[in-house]
Amino acid sequence: MTMQTDTLEGKVALVTGTSRGLGRGIALGLARHGADLVLTSRKLEPNRELAEEIRALGRRALPLATDIMVVEEIQATVSRAIEEFAAIDILVNNAGTNPIRCNAVDVEEWSWDKIIGTNLKGLFFFSQAVARHMMERGGGKIINISSAAAASGSPLASVYGASKAGVNQLTRTMALELAPYGINVNALGPSFFEVGLSEYVTKSEELTQAIIARTPLGRMGRVGELAEAVVYLASDAADYITGQVIYIDGGWSA
C-alpha cells in the first residue's frame, strides 16, 4: 500500500533511532509524505546528514543527540522539539538494540541493562513525555517498533524478545489509558529486514538463506515496507485503530 504524498502535510513527527537502518528509512518515509521531522539518536552527525536529505524534500528537520537511557535527556529532547515546531503530532519509538546473542544462562547484567534500558525504558519515557504534550493538544499518534521476536520464543535473544514483549504490553495499556484523550497507540513488529538489527544475518549467506526458507513469503523485508506501515498508522486513515500490534514479517509469526 502506498499512501498519498501529502498524507501527513502539516504534521510533526519525532522519530528515535534515526542514525541508520530502519529509523532512517522511517524518517525519510514520513518526510516524503509531508511530515516535518525531529531526528534523534545517540550520534548527532548522522542525523545532521539525514536532516539535509529531508530538507531537500522540502520538509523541515531538527537533528538532535539523545541518550535514550537518560530520562532527563529524553525530556530535554521533547522540550526542544516543541520549542522548535510548537507541536509533536507523531511519535515513532524506533530506537532499539541487541548487542549480544547468547543463551539466557550466559546473559550478563550489562547487556540486560542496555537492552531493557534502550528498548523498554527509553520507549516508555519518550512515550510519557510526548503523551503529556499530546493530552494538552487533544490527540496524536504513538507508534512503537516492536519485533516478531515478541510473538514466539527467541533462542539466543531472550532479553531482546522479553523487551519487545514488554513493548507490546505497554502499547496495549497506554492505548487504553490515552484513548480518552484522542491519542492512538499501536506497534509494528518487523522480523528480518535487509538493514537494521538484522544486518548480522545478511553478513552470512547461510543464515540469510535459512531465514528466507523460514519466511512464508520467501524473502527479507524492505525498509520501505515498514516505513509505509508507519505512515499509515500516523495518518488519519488509521484514526480508528489503537492498541494493536501488527507484524510486518512476511508470515513469520503466522
C-alpha atoms as a PDB file:
ATOM      1  CA  MET A   1       0.000   0.000   0.000  1.00  0.00           C
ATOM      2  CA  THR A   2       1.323   3.441  -0.970  1.00  0.00           C
ATOM      3  CA  MET A   3      -0.221   6.492   0.704  1.00  0.00           C
ATOM      4  CA  GLN A   4      -0.680   9.867  -0.998  1.00  0.00           C
ATOM      5  CA  THR A   5       2.414  12.064  -0.848  1.00  0.00           C
ATOM      6  CA  ASP A   6       0.612  14.762   1.167  1.00  0.00           C
ATOM      7  CA  THR A   7      -0.871  12.340   3.711  1.00  0.00           C
ATOM      8  CA  LEU A   8       0.990  13.940   6.638  1.00  0.00           C
ATOM      9  CA  GLU A   9       1.153  17.534   5.410  1.00  0.00           C
ATOM     10  CA  GLY A  10       1.466  19.923   8.367  1.00  0.00           C
ATOM     11  CA  LYS A  11       2.322  17.183  10.868  1.00  0.00           C
ATOM     12  CA  VAL A  12       5.438  16.987  13.032  1.00  0.00           C
ATOM     13  CA  ALA A  13       6.948  13.580  13.742  1.00  0.00           C
ATOM     14  CA  LEU A  14       9.605  12.719  16.318  1.00  0.00           C
ATOM     15  CA  VAL A  15      11.464   9.530  15.430  1.00  0.00           C
ATOM     16  CA  THR A  16      14.030   7.872  17.691  1.00  0.00           C
ATOM     17  CA  GLY A  17      16.989   5.841  16.463  1.00  0.00           C
ATOM     18  CA  THR A  18      17.316   7.672  13.153  1.00  0.00           C
ATOM     19  CA  SER A  19      21.080   7.450  12.644  1.00  0.00           C
ATOM     20  CA  ARG A  20      20.816   4.401  10.377  1.00  0.00           C
ATOM     21  CA  GLY A  21      18.761   1.426   9.249  1.00  0.00           C
ATOM     22  CA  LEU A  22      15.039   1.234   9.829  1.00  0.00           C
ATOM     23  CA  GLY A  23      14.828   4.505  11.751  1.00  0.00           C
ATOM     24  CA  ARG A  24      16.476   6.389   8.923  1.00  0.00           C
ATOM     25  CA  GLY A  25      14.110   4.809   6.411  1.00  0.00           C
ATOM     26  CA  ILE A  26      11.072   5.575   8.555  1.00  0.00           C
ATOM     27  CA  ALA A  27      12.082   9.233   8.881  1.00  0.00           C
ATOM     28  CA  LEU A  28      12.538   9.586   5.120  1.00  0.00           C
ATOM     29  CA  GLY A  29       9.208   7.855   4.518  1.00  0.00           C
ATOM     30  CA  LEU A  30       7.390  10.265   6.827  1.00  0.00           C
ATOM     31  CA  ALA A  31       9.086  13.245   5.161  1.00  0.00           C
ATOM     32  CA  ARG A  32       8.138  12.028   1.680  1.00  0.00           C
ATOM     33  CA  HIS A  33       4.521  12.014   2.834  1.00  0.00           C
ATOM     34  CA  GLY A  34       4.647  15.600   4.089  1.00  0.00           C
ATOM     35  CA  ALA A  35       5.772  15.467   7.718  1.00  0.00           C
ATOM     36  CA  ASP A  36       8.404  17.651   9.336  1.00  0.00           C
ATOM     37  CA  LEU A  37      10.894  15.654  11.393  1.00  0.00           C
ATOM     38  CA  VAL A  38      12.642  15.661  14.743  1.00  0.00           C
ATOM     39  CA  LEU A  39      15.537  13.222  14.398  1.00  0.00           C
ATOM     40  CA  THR A  40      17.172  11.757  17.469  1.00  0.00           C
ATOM     41  CA  SER A  41      19.729   9.098  18.317  1.00  0.00           C
ATOM     42  CA  ARG A  42      22.948   8.878  20.316  1.00  0.00           C
ATOM     43  CA  LYS A  43      25.059  10.192  17.422  1.00  0.00           C
ATOM     44  CA  LEU A  44      24.374  13.679  16.108  1.00  0.00           C
ATOM     45  CA  GLU A  45      26.356  13.710  12.850  1.00  0.00           C
ATOM     46  CA  PRO A  46      24.294  11.024  11.029  1.00  0.00           C
ATOM     47  CA  ASN A  47      21.159  12.945  11.994  1.00  0.00           C
ATOM     48  CA  ARG A  48      22.599  16.150  10.571  1.00  0.00           C
ATOM     49  CA  GLU A  49      23.238  14.376   7.281  1.00  0.00           C
ATOM     50  CA  LEU A  50      19.724  12.912   7.298  1.00  0.00           C
ATOM     51  CA  ALA A  51      18.272  16.336   8.085  1.00  0.00           C
ATOM     52  CA  GLU A  52      19.859  17.695   4.902  1.00  0.00           C
ATOM     53  CA  GLU A  53      18.190  14.940   2.865  1.00  0.00           C
ATOM     54  CA  ILE A  54      14.846  15.750   4.448  1.00  0.00           C
ATOM     55  CA  ARG A  55      15.232  19.479   3.800  1.00  0.00           C
ATOM     56  CA  ALA A  56      15.976  18.645   0.176  1.00  0.00           C
ATOM     57  CA  LEU A  57      12.493  17.103   0.091  1.00  0.00           C
ATOM     58  CA  GLY A  58      11.048  20.459   1.153  1.00  0.00           C
ATOM     59  CA  ARG A  59      10.436  19.488   4.763  1.00  0.00           C
ATOM     60  CA  ARG A  60      11.817  20.917   7.990  1.00  0.00           C
ATOM     61  CA  ALA A  61      14.121  18.804  10.143  1.00  0.00           C
ATOM     62  CA  LEU A  62      15.676  19.157  13.592  1.00  0.00           C
ATOM     63  CA  PRO A  63      18.617  16.813  14.274  1.00  0.00           C
ATOM     64  CA  LEU A  64      19.352  16.054  17.936  1.00  0.00           C
ATOM     65  CA  ALA A  65      21.510  13.717  20.018  1.00  0.00           C
ATOM     66  CA  THR A  66      19.831  11.910  22.914  1.00  0.00           C
ATOM     67  CA  ASP A  67      20.929   9.171  25.283  1.00  0.00           C
ATOM     68  CA  ILE A  68      17.671   7.247  25.412  1.00  0.00           C
ATOM     69  CA  MET A  69      18.632   5.638  28.731  1.00  0.00           C
ATOM     70  CA  VAL A  70      18.720   9.030  30.488  1.00  0.00           C
ATOM     71  CA  VAL A  71      15.255  10.365  31.311  1.00  0.00           C
ATOM     72  CA  GLU A  72      16.444  13.963  31.649  1.00  0.00           C
ATOM     73  CA  GLU A  73      17.811  13.870  28.093  1.00  0.00           C
ATOM     74  CA  ILE A  74      14.517  12.470  26.809  1.00  0.00           C
ATOM     75  CA  GLN A  75      12.601  15.279  28.484  1.00  0.00           C
ATOM     76  CA  ALA A  76      15.030  17.876  27.112  1.00  0.00           C
ATOM     77  CA  THR A  77      14.652  16.450  23.595  1.00  0.00           C
ATOM     78  CA  VAL A  78      10.861  16.645  23.747  1.00  0.00           C
ATOM     79  CA  SER A  79      11.006  20.206  25.094  1.00  0.00           C
ATOM     80  CA  ARG A  80      13.414  21.234  22.333  1.00  0.00           C
ATOM     81  CA  ALA A  81      11.159  19.707  19.681  1.00  0.00           C
ATOM     82  CA  ILE A  82       8.128  21.582  20.985  1.00  0.00           C
ATOM     83  CA  GLU A  83      10.152  24.798  21.180  1.00  0.00           C
ATOM     84  CA  GLU A  84      11.184  24.388  17.534  1.00  0.00           C
ATOM     85  CA  PHE A  85       7.909  23.205  15.994  1.00  0.00           C
ATOM     86  CA  ALA A  86       5.274  24.120  18.638  1.00  0.00           C
ATOM     87  CA  ALA A  87       3.820  20.608  18.436  1.00  0.00           C
ATOM     88  CA  ILE A  88       4.527  16.899  18.162  1.00  0.00           C
ATOM     89  CA  ASP A  89       1.770  15.081  16.285  1.00  0.00           C
ATOM     90  CA  ILE A  90       3.504  11.733  15.794  1.00  0.00           C
ATOM     91  CA  LEU A  91       5.995   9.793  17.918  1.00  0.00           C
ATOM     92  CA  VAL A  92       7.779   6.793  16.440  1.00  0.00           C
ATOM     93  CA  ASN A  93       9.670   4.840  19.097  1.00  0.00           C
ATOM     94  CA  ASN A  94      12.157   3.068  16.857  1.00  0.00           C
ATOM     95  CA  ALA A  95      15.401   3.092  18.872  1.00  0.00           C
ATOM     96  CA  GLY A  96      16.473  -0.423  19.793  1.00  0.00           C
ATOM     97  CA  THR A  97      19.489  -2.582  20.438  1.00  0.00           C
ATOM     98  CA  ASN A  98      20.543  -6.194  20.766  1.00  0.00           C
ATOM     99  CA  PRO A  99      24.302  -6.060  21.405  1.00  0.00           C
ATOM    100  CA  ILE A 100      24.866  -9.734  22.131  1.00  0.00           C
ATOM    101  CA  ARG A 101      23.420 -13.057  21.057  1.00  0.00           C
ATOM    102  CA  CYS A 102      23.771 -15.825  23.636  1.00  0.00           C
ATOM    103  CA  ASN A 103      21.790 -18.306  25.696  1.00  0.00           C
ATOM    104  CA  ALA A 104      19.865 -16.935  28.662  1.00  0.00           C
ATOM    105  CA  VAL A 105      22.216 -18.669  31.124  1.00  0.00           C
ATOM    106  CA  ASP A 106      25.114 -16.642  29.707  1.00  0.00           C
ATOM    107  CA  VAL A 107      23.492 -13.189  29.784  1.00  0.00           C
ATOM    108  CA  GLU A 108      25.471 -10.651  31.803  1.00  0.00           C
ATOM    109  CA  GLU A 109      23.977  -7.765  33.756  1.00  0.00           C
ATOM    110  CA  TRP A 110      25.433  -5.082  31.485  1.00  0.00           C
ATOM    111  CA  SER A 111      23.692  -6.485  28.405  1.00  0.00           C
ATOM    112  CA  TRP A 112      20.393  -6.871  30.286  1.00  0.00           C
ATOM    113  CA  ASP A 113      20.566  -3.242  31.420  1.00  0.00           C
ATOM    114  CA  LYS A 114      21.479  -1.941  27.956  1.00  0.00           C
ATOM    115  CA  ILE A 115      18.746  -3.865  26.124  1.00  0.00           C
ATOM    116  CA  ILE A 116      15.975  -3.169  28.637  1.00  0.00           C
ATOM    117  CA  GLY A 117      17.148   0.420  29.099  1.00  0.00           C
ATOM    118  CA  THR A 118      17.092   1.156  25.380  1.00  0.00           C
ATOM    119  CA  ASN A 119      14.211  -0.963  24.128  1.00  0.00           C
ATOM    120  CA  LEU A 120      11.785  -0.574  27.031  1.00  0.00           C
ATOM    121  CA  LYS A 121      12.774   2.167  29.485  1.00  0.00           C
ATOM    122  CA  GLY A 122      13.633   4.677  26.782  1.00  0.00           C
ATOM    123  CA  LEU A 123      10.481   3.900  24.828  1.00  0.00           C
ATOM    124  CA  PHE A 124       8.334   4.284  27.950  1.00  0.00           C
ATOM    125  CA  PHE A 125       9.723   7.650  28.993  1.00  0.00           C
ATOM    126  CA  PHE A 126       9.660   9.066  25.456  1.00  0.00           C
ATOM    127  CA  SER A 127       6.009   7.972  25.248  1.00  0.00           C
ATOM    128  CA  GLN A 128       5.268   9.500  28.637  1.00  0.00           C
ATOM    129  CA  ALA A 129       6.833  12.861  27.799  1.00  0.00           C
ATOM    130  CA  VAL A 130       5.188  13.126  24.379  1.00  0.00           C
ATOM    131  CA  ALA A 131       1.828  11.802  25.620  1.00  0.00           C
ATOM    132  CA  ARG A 132       1.623  14.577  28.212  1.00  0.00           C
ATOM    133  CA  HIS A 133       2.036  17.093  25.389  1.00  0.00           C
ATOM    134  CA  MET A 134      -0.490  15.293  23.183  1.00  0.00           C
ATOM    135  CA  MET A 135      -3.028  15.223  26.022  1.00  0.00           C
ATOM    136  CA  GLU A 136      -2.860  19.009  26.218  1.00  0.00           C
ATOM    137  CA  ARG A 137      -3.202  19.313  22.426  1.00  0.00           C
ATOM    138  CA  GLY A 138      -6.132  16.910  22.157  1.00  0.00           C
ATOM    139  CA  GLY A 139      -4.613  13.978  20.295  1.00  0.00           C
ATOM    140  CA  GLY A 140      -1.761  12.362  18.440  1.00  0.00           C
ATOM    141  CA  LYS A 141      -0.268   9.110  17.204  1.00  0.00           C
ATOM    142  CA  ILE A 142       2.312   6.966  19.013  1.00  0.00           C
ATOM    143  CA  ILE A 143       3.842   4.127  17.009  1.00  0.00           C
ATOM    144  CA  ASN A 144       6.158   1.660  18.716  1.00  0.00           C
ATOM    145  CA  ILE A 145       8.560  -0.516  16.755  1.00  0.00           C
ATOM    146  CA  SER A 146       8.361  -3.938  18.386  1.00  0.00           C
ATOM    147  CA  SER A 147       9.587  -7.185  16.812  1.00  0.00           C
ATOM    148  CA  ALA A 148       8.412 -10.556  15.601  1.00  0.00           C
ATOM    149  CA  ALA A 149      10.696 -11.838  18.387  1.00  0.00           C
ATOM    150  CA  ALA A 150       7.918 -10.878  20.806  1.00  0.00           C
ATOM    151  CA  ALA A 151       5.483 -13.307  19.185  1.00  0.00           C
ATOM    152  CA  SER A 152       7.366 -16.511  19.986  1.00  0.00           C
ATOM    153  CA  GLY A 153      10.423 -17.835  21.772  1.00  0.00           C
ATOM    154  CA  SER A 154      13.686 -16.217  20.703  1.00  0.00           C
ATOM    155  CA  PRO A 155      16.709 -18.512  21.202  1.00  0.00           C
ATOM    156  CA  LEU A 156      19.932 -16.513  21.671  1.00  0.00           C
ATOM    157  CA  ALA A 157      17.849 -13.339  22.125  1.00  0.00           C
ATOM    158  CA  SER A 158      15.984 -13.915  25.384  1.00  0.00           C
ATOM    159  CA  VAL A 159      16.403 -10.389  26.731  1.00  0.00           C
ATOM    160  CA  TYR A 160      15.653  -8.768  23.378  1.00  0.00           C
ATOM    161  CA  GLY A 161      12.487 -10.857  22.992  1.00  0.00           C
ATOM    162  CA  ALA A 162      11.418 -10.014  26.538  1.00  0.00           C
ATOM    163  CA  SER A 163      11.993  -6.308  25.936  1.00  0.00           C
ATOM    164  CA  LYS A 164       9.837  -6.367  22.808  1.00  0.00           C
ATOM    165  CA  ALA A 165       7.099  -8.348  24.561  1.00  0.00           C
ATOM    166  CA  GLY A 166       7.153  -5.538  27.102  1.00  0.00           C
ATOM    167  CA  VAL A 167       6.755  -3.049  24.262  1.00  0.00           C
ATOM    168  CA  ASN A 168       3.616  -4.881  23.147  1.00  0.00           C
ATOM    169  CA  GLN A 169       2.134  -4.771  26.644  1.00  0.00           C
ATOM    170  CA  LEU A 170       2.937  -1.080  27.041  1.00  0.00           C
ATOM    171  CA  THR A 171       1.328  -0.449  23.660  1.00  0.00           C
ATOM    172  CA  ARG A 172      -1.943  -2.056  24.713  1.00  0.00           C
ATOM    173  CA  THR A 173      -2.035  -0.475  28.164  1.00  0.00           C
ATOM    174  CA  MET A 174      -1.144   3.031  27.025  1.00  0.00           C
ATOM    175  CA  ALA A 175      -3.680   2.748  24.202  1.00  0.00           C
ATOM    176  CA  LEU A 176      -6.413   2.193  26.789  1.00  0.00           C
ATOM    177  CA  GLU A 177      -5.177   4.946  29.090  1.00  0.00           C
ATOM    178  CA  LEU A 178      -4.745   7.527  26.334  1.00  0.00           C
ATOM    179  CA  ALA A 179      -7.804   6.767  24.198  1.00  0.00           C
ATOM    180  CA  PRO A 180      -9.987   9.301  26.081  1.00  0.00           C
ATOM    181  CA  TYR A 181      -7.519  11.999  25.003  1.00  0.00           C
ATOM    182  CA  GLY A 182      -7.671  11.156  21.300  1.00  0.00           C
ATOM    183  CA  ILE A 183      -4.254   9.507  21.262  1.00  0.00           C
ATOM    184  CA  ASN A 184      -3.771   6.307  19.252  1.00  0.00           C
ATOM    185  CA  VAL A 185      -1.037   3.903  20.341  1.00  0.00           C
ATOM    186  CA  ASN A 186      -0.041   0.997  18.098  1.00  0.00           C
ATOM    187  CA  ALA A 187       3.002  -1.166  17.427  1.00  0.00           C
ATOM    188  CA  LEU A 188       4.612  -2.693  14.366  1.00  0.00           C
ATOM    189  CA  GLY A 189       6.590  -5.917  14.704  1.00  0.00           C
ATOM    190  CA  PRO A 190       9.152  -6.383  11.928  1.00  0.00           C
ATOM    191  CA  SER A 191      11.003  -9.658  11.527  1.00  0.00           C
ATOM    192  CA  PHE A 192      14.188  -9.856   9.477  1.00  0.00           C
ATOM    193  CA  PHE A 193      14.848  -6.825   7.280  1.00  0.00           C
ATOM    194  CA  GLU A 194      17.691  -6.029   4.917  1.00  0.00           C
ATOM    195  CA  VAL A 195      19.016  -3.321   7.267  1.00  0.00           C
ATOM    196  CA  GLY A 196      18.920  -2.508  10.961  1.00  0.00           C
ATOM    197  CA  LEU A 197      19.427  -5.082  13.715  1.00  0.00           C
ATOM    198  CA  SER A 198      19.151  -7.858  11.103  1.00  0.00           C
ATOM    199  CA  GLU A 199      22.425  -6.834   9.449  1.00  0.00           C
ATOM    200  CA  TYR A 200      24.216  -9.698  11.186  1.00  0.00           C
ATOM    201  CA  VAL A 201      22.031 -12.038   9.123  1.00  0.00           C
ATOM    202  CA  THR A 202      22.953 -10.526   5.768  1.00  0.00           C
ATOM    203  CA  LYS A 203      26.661 -10.980   6.514  1.00  0.00           C
ATOM    204  CA  SER A 204      26.159 -14.751   6.344  1.00  0.00           C
ATOM    205  CA  GLU A 205      24.793 -16.282   3.144  1.00  0.00           C
ATOM    206  CA  GLU A 206      23.953 -19.488   5.015  1.00  0.00           C
ATOM    207  CA  LEU A 207      21.990 -17.647   7.700  1.00  0.00           C
ATOM    208  CA  THR A 208      20.289 -15.439   5.114  1.00  0.00           C
ATOM    209  CA  GLN A 209      19.066 -18.468   3.178  1.00  0.00           C
ATOM    210  CA  ALA A 210      17.872 -20.133   6.389  1.00  0.00           C
ATOM    211  CA  ILE A 211      15.820 -17.052   7.291  1.00  0.00           C
ATOM    212  CA  ILE A 212      14.378 -16.826   3.779  1.00  0.00           C
ATOM    213  CA  ALA A 213      13.440 -20.517   3.862  1.00  0.00           C
ATOM    214  CA  ARG A 214      11.670 -19.997   7.213  1.00  0.00           C
ATOM    215  CA  THR A 215       9.722 -16.962   5.936  1.00  0.00           C
ATOM    216  CA  PRO A 216       6.483 -17.865   4.067  1.00  0.00           C
ATOM    217  CA  LEU A 217       6.881 -15.001   1.576  1.00  0.00           C
ATOM    218  CA  GLY A 218      10.391 -16.209   0.817  1.00  0.00           C
ATOM    219  CA  ARG A 219      12.438 -13.046   1.354  1.00  0.00           C
ATOM    220  CA  MET A 220      13.539 -10.485   3.924  1.00  0.00           C
ATOM    221  CA  GLY A 221      11.673  -7.254   4.490  1.00  0.00           C
ATOM    222  CA  ARG A 222      12.451  -3.957   2.784  1.00  0.00           C
ATOM    223  CA  VAL A 223      12.736  -0.669   4.641  1.00  0.00           C
ATOM    224  CA  GLY A 224      10.038   0.992   2.554  1.00  0.00           C
ATOM    225  CA  GLU A 225       7.521  -1.658   3.565  1.00  0.00           C
ATOM    226  CA  LEU A 226       7.932  -0.798   7.234  1.00  0.00           C
ATOM    227  CA  ALA A 227       8.011   2.936   6.519  1.00  0.00           C
ATOM    228  CA  GLU A 228       4.708   2.796   4.609  1.00  0.00           C
ATOM    229  CA  ALA A 229       3.088   0.936   7.515  1.00  0.00           C
ATOM    230  CA  VAL A 230       4.292   3.679   9.868  1.00  0.00           C
ATOM    231  CA  VAL A 231       2.878   6.342   7.543  1.00  0.00           C
ATOM    232  CA  TYR A 232      -0.477   4.558   7.525  1.00  0.00           C
ATOM    233  CA  LEU A 233      -0.700   4.348  11.326  1.00  0.00           C
ATOM    234  CA  ALA A 234       0.361   8.001  11.569  1.00  0.00           C
ATOM    235  CA  SER A 235      -2.318   9.126   9.113  1.00  0.00           C
ATOM    236  CA  ASP A 236      -5.992   9.995   9.530  1.00  0.00           C
ATOM    237  CA  ALA A 237      -6.822   6.717   7.769  1.00  0.00           C
ATOM    238  CA  ALA A 238      -5.853   4.869  10.972  1.00  0.00           C
ATOM    239  CA  ASP A 239      -7.885   7.005  13.386  1.00  0.00           C
ATOM    240  CA  TYR A 240      -9.994   4.001  14.478  1.00  0.00           C
ATOM    241  CA  ILE A 241      -7.016   1.717  15.121  1.00  0.00           C
ATOM    242  CA  THR A 242      -5.465   1.632  18.584  1.00  0.00           C
ATOM    243  CA  GLY A 243      -3.929  -0.913  20.935  1.00  0.00           C
ATOM    244  CA  GLN A 244      -2.856  -3.163  18.071  1.00  0.00           C
ATOM    245  CA  VAL A 245       0.399  -4.975  17.330  1.00  0.00           C
ATOM    246  CA  ILE A 246       0.788  -5.565  13.591  1.00  0.00           C
ATOM    247  CA  TYR A 247       3.543  -7.893  12.461  1.00  0.00           C
ATOM    248  CA  ILE A 248       5.412  -6.889   9.306  1.00  0.00           C
ATOM    249  CA  ASP A 249       7.140 -10.224   8.933  1.00  0.00           C
ATOM    250  CA  GLY A 250       6.303 -11.965   5.670  1.00  0.00           C
ATOM    251  CA  GLY A 251       4.198 -14.501   7.573  1.00  0.00           C
ATOM    252  CA  TRP A 252       6.915 -15.394  10.119  1.00  0.00           C
ATOM    253  CA  SER A 253       4.519 -15.217  13.090  1.00  0.00           C
ATOM    254  CA  ALA A 254       1.531 -16.855  11.365  1.00  0.00           C
END
